[in-house]
Amino acid sequence: MLFRSEDLSFPMMAAGAVGLMNAVGNLAPGPVASICEAVWDNDLERGRRLHADLFEINQAVFFDTNPIPMKYMMRKLGIIETNEHRLPMVPATPELERRLDAVLERAGLLTELPG
């Protein structure tokens, strides 16, 4: 079984899924991989902590139609150069950008970034 919903990544793995496709892995690959490793090591308490640490950013992916939030956050973190979308998708609104910036800040992902 392979599960894709970001905010259910840990619970589904703890229930028996053997892998996941979590878009947040593009923003924070280490913590997402660590959730998998914690489950594989049967360290569910560690997995729960990691899941809690990523919970808000996992939900932020769906603040608007994906990939709008994801592309904005990837550009903000310097992972991609442009925030282009194929129509009918459009870039994040200024209000959504502020909301996503706050999530990235609380997640500690905006520290040490230039400009």
N, C-alpha and C. Protein backbone atom coordinates (compact mmCIF):
# COMPACT_ATOMS: atom_id res chain seq x y z
N MET A 1 0.85 -1.16 0.00
CA MET A 1 0.00 0.00 0.00
C MET A 1 0.90 1.23 0.00
N LEU A 2 0.60 2.21 -0.84
CA LEU A 2 1.32 3.47 -0.91
C LEU A 2 0.31 4.58 -0.70
N PHE A 3 0.60 5.53 0.20
CA PHE A 3 -0.35 6.56 0.54
C PHE A 3 0.22 7.91 0.20
N ARG A 4 -0.62 8.89 -0.21
CA ARG A 4 -0.13 10.17 -0.68
C ARG A 4 -0.52 11.37 0.16
N SER A 5 -1.48 11.30 1.02
CA SER A 5 -1.92 12.49 1.74
C SER A 5 -0.90 12.85 2.81
N GLU A 6 -0.31 14.04 2.67
CA GLU A 6 0.79 14.46 3.52
C GLU A 6 0.50 14.38 5.01
N ASP A 7 -0.66 14.88 5.43
CA ASP A 7 -0.92 14.91 6.86
C ASP A 7 -1.24 13.54 7.45
N LEU A 8 -1.39 12.53 6.61
CA LEU A 8 -1.62 11.17 7.09
C LEU A 8 -0.43 10.25 6.85
N SER A 9 0.71 10.81 6.48
CA SER A 9 1.88 9.99 6.16
C SER A 9 2.27 9.07 7.32
N PHE A 10 2.49 9.65 8.49
CA PHE A 10 2.89 8.82 9.63
C PHE A 10 1.80 7.83 10.05
N PRO A 11 0.55 8.27 10.24
CA PRO A 11 -0.47 7.30 10.66
C PRO A 11 -0.61 6.12 9.69
N MET A 12 -0.55 6.40 8.40
CA MET A 12 -0.69 5.31 7.43
C MET A 12 0.51 4.37 7.48
N MET A 13 1.70 4.91 7.63
CA MET A 13 2.87 4.03 7.74
C MET A 13 2.80 3.21 9.02
N ALA A 14 2.37 3.85 10.12
CA ALA A 14 2.26 3.13 11.39
C ALA A 14 1.22 2.01 11.29
N ALA A 15 0.24 2.18 10.39
CA ALA A 15 -0.80 1.17 10.20
C ALA A 15 -0.41 0.12 9.16
N GLY A 16 0.77 0.26 8.54
CA GLY A 16 1.23 -0.79 7.65
C GLY A 16 1.65 -0.38 6.25
N ALA A 17 1.45 0.90 5.85
CA ALA A 17 1.93 1.33 4.53
C ALA A 17 3.45 1.19 4.52
N VAL A 18 4.01 0.82 3.39
CA VAL A 18 5.45 0.58 3.30
C VAL A 18 6.21 1.73 2.66
N GLY A 19 5.54 2.79 2.30
CA GLY A 19 6.19 3.93 1.70
C GLY A 19 5.20 5.06 1.57
N LEU A 20 5.68 6.18 1.10
CA LEU A 20 4.79 7.33 0.94
C LEU A 20 5.32 8.24 -0.15
N MET A 21 4.40 9.06 -0.65
CA MET A 21 4.76 10.13 -1.57
C MET A 21 4.30 11.41 -0.89
N ASN A 22 5.22 12.10 -0.26
CA ASN A 22 4.91 13.28 0.52
C ASN A 22 5.60 14.46 -0.14
N ALA A 23 4.82 15.39 -0.68
CA ALA A 23 5.39 16.55 -1.38
C ALA A 23 6.30 17.37 -0.49
N VAL A 24 6.06 17.35 0.81
CA VAL A 24 6.89 18.12 1.74
C VAL A 24 8.32 17.60 1.75
N GLY A 25 8.53 16.39 1.27
CA GLY A 25 9.88 15.88 1.11
C GLY A 25 10.73 16.75 0.19
N ASN A 26 10.09 17.54 -0.66
CA ASN A 26 10.83 18.49 -1.50
C ASN A 26 11.34 19.67 -0.68
N LEU A 27 10.66 19.99 0.41
CA LEU A 27 11.04 21.12 1.27
C LEU A 27 11.91 20.67 2.44
N ALA A 28 11.61 19.52 3.00
CA ALA A 28 12.30 19.02 4.19
C ALA A 28 12.53 17.51 4.05
N PRO A 29 13.42 17.12 3.14
CA PRO A 29 13.59 15.69 2.87
C PRO A 29 14.08 14.89 4.08
N GLY A 30 14.95 15.45 4.88
CA GLY A 30 15.48 14.73 6.03
C GLY A 30 14.40 14.32 7.01
N PRO A 31 13.56 15.26 7.48
CA PRO A 31 12.51 14.88 8.42
C PRO A 31 11.50 13.89 7.84
N VAL A 32 11.16 14.01 6.57
CA VAL A 32 10.22 13.06 5.97
C VAL A 32 10.85 11.67 5.92
N ALA A 33 12.11 11.59 5.53
CA ALA A 33 12.80 10.30 5.52
C ALA A 33 12.91 9.74 6.93
N SER A 34 13.13 10.61 7.91
CA SER A 34 13.24 10.16 9.30
C SER A 34 11.94 9.55 9.81
N ILE A 35 10.80 10.06 9.35
CA ILE A 35 9.52 9.45 9.73
C ILE A 35 9.48 8.00 9.25
N CYS A 36 9.87 7.79 8.00
CA CYS A 36 9.90 6.41 7.46
C CYS A 36 10.85 5.55 8.28
N GLU A 37 12.04 6.05 8.54
CA GLU A 37 13.02 5.27 9.30
C GLU A 37 12.52 4.95 10.70
N ALA A 38 11.85 5.91 11.35
CA ALA A 38 11.32 5.66 12.69
C ALA A 38 10.30 4.53 12.67
N VAL A 39 9.42 4.53 11.68
CA VAL A 39 8.43 3.46 11.59
C VAL A 39 9.12 2.13 11.31
N TRP A 40 10.06 2.12 10.38
CA TRP A 40 10.76 0.87 10.06
C TRP A 40 11.54 0.34 11.26
N ASP A 41 12.02 1.26 12.12
CA ASP A 41 12.73 0.86 13.34
C ASP A 41 11.77 0.57 14.50
N ASN A 42 10.48 0.66 14.24
CA ASN A 42 9.43 0.46 15.25
C ASN A 42 9.55 1.48 16.39
N ASP A 43 10.06 2.65 16.10
CA ASP A 43 10.16 3.74 17.08
C ASP A 43 9.00 4.70 16.82
N LEU A 44 7.81 4.27 17.18
CA LEU A 44 6.62 5.05 16.86
C LEU A 44 6.55 6.36 17.64
N GLU A 45 7.14 6.43 18.81
CA GLU A 45 7.15 7.69 19.55
C GLU A 45 7.97 8.74 18.79
N ARG A 46 9.11 8.34 18.28
CA ARG A 46 9.92 9.26 17.46
C ARG A 46 9.17 9.66 16.20
N GLY A 47 8.51 8.69 15.57
CA GLY A 47 7.72 8.98 14.39
C GLY A 47 6.61 9.97 14.67
N ARG A 48 5.95 9.82 15.81
CA ARG A 48 4.89 10.77 16.21
C ARG A 48 5.45 12.17 16.39
N ARG A 49 6.59 12.28 17.04
CA ARG A 49 7.21 13.61 17.24
C ARG A 49 7.55 14.27 15.90
N LEU A 50 8.16 13.50 15.02
CA LEU A 50 8.51 14.03 13.70
C LEU A 50 7.27 14.43 12.92
N HIS A 51 6.24 13.61 13.01
CA HIS A 51 4.97 13.90 12.35
C HIS A 51 4.38 15.21 12.89
N ALA A 52 4.42 15.39 14.19
CA ALA A 52 3.89 16.62 14.80
C ALA A 52 4.70 17.83 14.33
N ASP A 53 6.01 17.66 14.21
CA ASP A 53 6.87 18.77 13.76
C ASP A 53 6.52 19.21 12.34
N LEU A 54 6.10 18.26 11.50
CA LEU A 54 5.79 18.57 10.10
C LEU A 54 4.30 18.80 9.83
N PHE A 55 3.47 18.63 10.85
CA PHE A 55 2.03 18.62 10.61
C PHE A 55 1.53 19.90 9.95
N GLU A 56 1.94 21.08 10.43
CA GLU A 56 1.43 22.32 9.86
C GLU A 56 1.90 22.50 8.41
N ILE A 57 3.14 22.19 8.14
CA ILE A 57 3.63 22.35 6.76
C ILE A 57 2.98 21.32 5.84
N ASN A 58 2.68 20.11 6.36
CA ASN A 58 1.95 19.13 5.57
C ASN A 58 0.58 19.66 5.19
N GLN A 59 -0.09 20.32 6.12
CA GLN A 59 -1.40 20.89 5.83
C GLN A 59 -1.30 22.09 4.89
N ALA A 60 -0.21 22.84 4.97
CA ALA A 60 -0.05 24.04 4.14
C ALA A 60 -0.05 23.72 2.65
N VAL A 61 0.36 22.51 2.29
CA VAL A 61 0.36 22.10 0.89
C VAL A 61 -1.04 22.24 0.30
N PHE A 62 -2.06 22.15 1.15
CA PHE A 62 -3.43 22.18 0.68
C PHE A 62 -4.17 23.47 1.05
N PHE A 63 -3.43 24.53 1.37
CA PHE A 63 -4.06 25.83 1.62
C PHE A 63 -4.74 26.35 0.36
N ASP A 64 -4.32 25.87 -0.78
CA ASP A 64 -4.93 26.17 -2.08
C ASP A 64 -4.72 24.92 -2.92
N THR A 65 -5.21 24.94 -4.15
CA THR A 65 -5.04 23.79 -5.02
C THR A 65 -3.56 23.52 -5.22
N ASN A 66 -3.16 22.29 -4.94
CA ASN A 66 -1.77 21.90 -5.16
C ASN A 66 -1.55 21.81 -6.67
N PRO A 67 -0.48 22.35 -7.21
CA PRO A 67 0.81 22.67 -6.62
C PRO A 67 1.04 24.15 -6.30
N ILE A 68 0.00 24.95 -6.23
CA ILE A 68 0.20 26.39 -6.00
C ILE A 68 1.00 26.64 -4.72
N PRO A 69 0.58 26.11 -3.57
CA PRO A 69 1.37 26.37 -2.36
C PRO A 69 2.77 25.74 -2.41
N MET A 70 2.86 24.53 -2.95
CA MET A 70 4.15 23.85 -2.99
C MET A 70 5.15 24.61 -3.85
N LYS A 71 4.73 25.05 -5.02
CA LYS A 71 5.66 25.78 -5.89
C LYS A 71 6.08 27.09 -5.25
N TYR A 72 5.16 27.77 -4.58
CA TYR A 72 5.55 29.01 -3.91
C TYR A 72 6.61 28.73 -2.84
N MET A 73 6.37 27.72 -2.01
CA MET A 73 7.31 27.42 -0.93
C MET A 73 8.66 26.96 -1.49
N MET A 74 8.65 26.19 -2.56
CA MET A 74 9.90 25.74 -3.16
C MET A 74 10.68 26.93 -3.72
N ARG A 75 9.99 27.88 -4.35
CA ARG A 75 10.69 29.07 -4.85
C ARG A 75 11.21 29.91 -3.69
N LYS A 76 10.41 30.07 -2.66
CA LYS A 76 10.79 30.87 -1.50
C LYS A 76 12.06 30.31 -0.85
N LEU A 77 12.19 29.00 -0.84
CA LEU A 77 13.35 28.35 -0.24
C LEU A 77 14.52 28.21 -1.22
N GLY A 78 14.35 28.68 -2.45
CA GLY A 78 15.43 28.61 -3.43
C GLY A 78 15.61 27.25 -4.07
N ILE A 79 14.62 26.39 -3.95
CA ILE A 79 14.70 25.05 -4.53
C ILE A 79 14.41 25.09 -6.02
N ILE A 80 13.49 25.95 -6.43
CA ILE A 80 13.23 26.19 -7.84
C ILE A 80 13.39 27.68 -8.11
N GLU A 81 13.71 28.03 -9.35
CA GLU A 81 13.98 29.43 -9.67
C GLU A 81 12.74 30.26 -9.93
N THR A 82 11.71 29.65 -10.50
CA THR A 82 10.51 30.41 -10.85
C THR A 82 9.28 29.71 -10.30
N ASN A 83 8.23 30.46 -10.19
CA ASN A 83 6.96 29.96 -9.68
C ASN A 83 5.96 29.95 -10.83
N GLU A 84 6.25 29.17 -11.86
CA GLU A 84 5.40 29.13 -13.05
C GLU A 84 4.38 28.01 -12.93
N HIS A 85 3.21 28.26 -13.51
CA HIS A 85 2.13 27.27 -13.52
C HIS A 85 1.50 27.22 -14.90
N ARG A 86 1.03 26.04 -15.26
CA ARG A 86 0.24 25.92 -16.49
C ARG A 86 -1.17 26.36 -16.18
N LEU A 87 -1.78 27.10 -17.10
CA LEU A 87 -3.17 27.52 -16.92
C LEU A 87 -4.06 26.28 -16.83
N PRO A 88 -5.05 26.31 -16.00
CA PRO A 88 -5.65 27.45 -15.34
C PRO A 88 -5.04 27.78 -13.98
N MET A 89 -3.96 27.08 -13.57
CA MET A 89 -3.30 27.39 -12.30
C MET A 89 -2.62 28.75 -12.39
N VAL A 90 -2.58 29.42 -11.27
CA VAL A 90 -1.91 30.72 -11.19
C VAL A 90 -1.05 30.72 -9.92
N PRO A 91 -0.05 31.60 -9.85
CA PRO A 91 0.77 31.68 -8.64
C PRO A 91 -0.05 32.06 -7.41
N ALA A 92 0.53 31.85 -6.27
CA ALA A 92 -0.12 32.18 -4.99
C ALA A 92 -0.44 33.67 -4.92
N THR A 93 -1.56 33.96 -4.29
CA THR A 93 -1.93 35.36 -4.05
C THR A 93 -1.03 35.92 -2.95
N PRO A 94 -0.94 37.25 -2.84
CA PRO A 94 -0.15 37.83 -1.75
C PRO A 94 -0.62 37.35 -0.37
N GLU A 95 -1.91 37.20 -0.19
CA GLU A 95 -2.43 36.70 1.10
C GLU A 95 -1.94 35.28 1.38
N LEU A 96 -2.00 34.42 0.37
CA LEU A 96 -1.52 33.05 0.53
C LEU A 96 -0.02 33.04 0.77
N GLU A 97 0.72 33.88 0.06
CA GLU A 97 2.17 33.97 0.28
C GLU A 97 2.48 34.29 1.74
N ARG A 98 1.78 35.27 2.31
CA ARG A 98 2.02 35.64 3.72
C ARG A 98 1.71 34.46 4.64
N ARG A 99 0.64 33.76 4.35
CA ARG A 99 0.25 32.61 5.16
C ARG A 99 1.30 31.50 5.08
N LEU A 100 1.78 31.23 3.88
CA LEU A 100 2.80 30.19 3.69
C LEU A 100 4.14 30.62 4.29
N ASP A 101 4.48 31.90 4.16
CA ASP A 101 5.72 32.39 4.78
C ASP A 101 5.70 32.15 6.28
N ALA A 102 4.54 32.39 6.91
CA ALA A 102 4.42 32.18 8.35
C ALA A 102 4.62 30.71 8.71
N VAL A 103 4.08 29.82 7.89
CA VAL A 103 4.26 28.38 8.13
C VAL A 103 5.74 28.01 8.00
N LEU A 104 6.39 28.49 6.94
CA LEU A 104 7.80 28.20 6.74
C LEU A 104 8.65 28.75 7.89
N GLU A 105 8.30 29.92 8.37
CA GLU A 105 9.02 30.52 9.50
C GLU A 105 8.86 29.66 10.75
N ARG A 106 7.63 29.28 11.07
CA ARG A 106 7.39 28.45 12.26
C ARG A 106 8.07 27.09 12.14
N ALA A 107 8.19 26.58 10.92
CA ALA A 107 8.86 25.29 10.69
C ALA A 107 10.37 25.42 10.74
N GLY A 108 10.87 26.65 10.82
CA GLY A 108 12.32 26.87 10.88
C GLY A 108 13.01 26.75 9.54
N LEU A 109 12.25 26.80 8.46
CA LEU A 109 12.83 26.65 7.13
C LEU A 109 13.29 27.96 6.51
N LEU A 110 12.90 29.09 7.07
CA LEU A 110 13.30 30.38 6.50
C LEU A 110 14.55 30.95 7.14
N THR A 111 15.09 30.29 8.12
CA THR A 111 16.29 30.79 8.77
C THR A 111 17.49 30.68 7.84
N GLU A 112 18.32 31.67 7.93
CA GLU A 112 19.57 31.70 7.17
C GLU A 112 19.38 31.80 5.66
N LEU A 113 18.19 32.17 5.19
CA LEU A 113 18.00 32.33 3.75
C LEU A 113 18.35 33.75 3.34
N PRO A 114 19.01 33.90 2.21
CA PRO A 114 19.29 35.26 1.72
C PRO A 114 18.00 35.94 1.27
N GLY A 115 17.96 37.26 1.45
CA GLY A 115 16.89 38.12 0.95
C GLY A 115 15.56 37.61 1.13
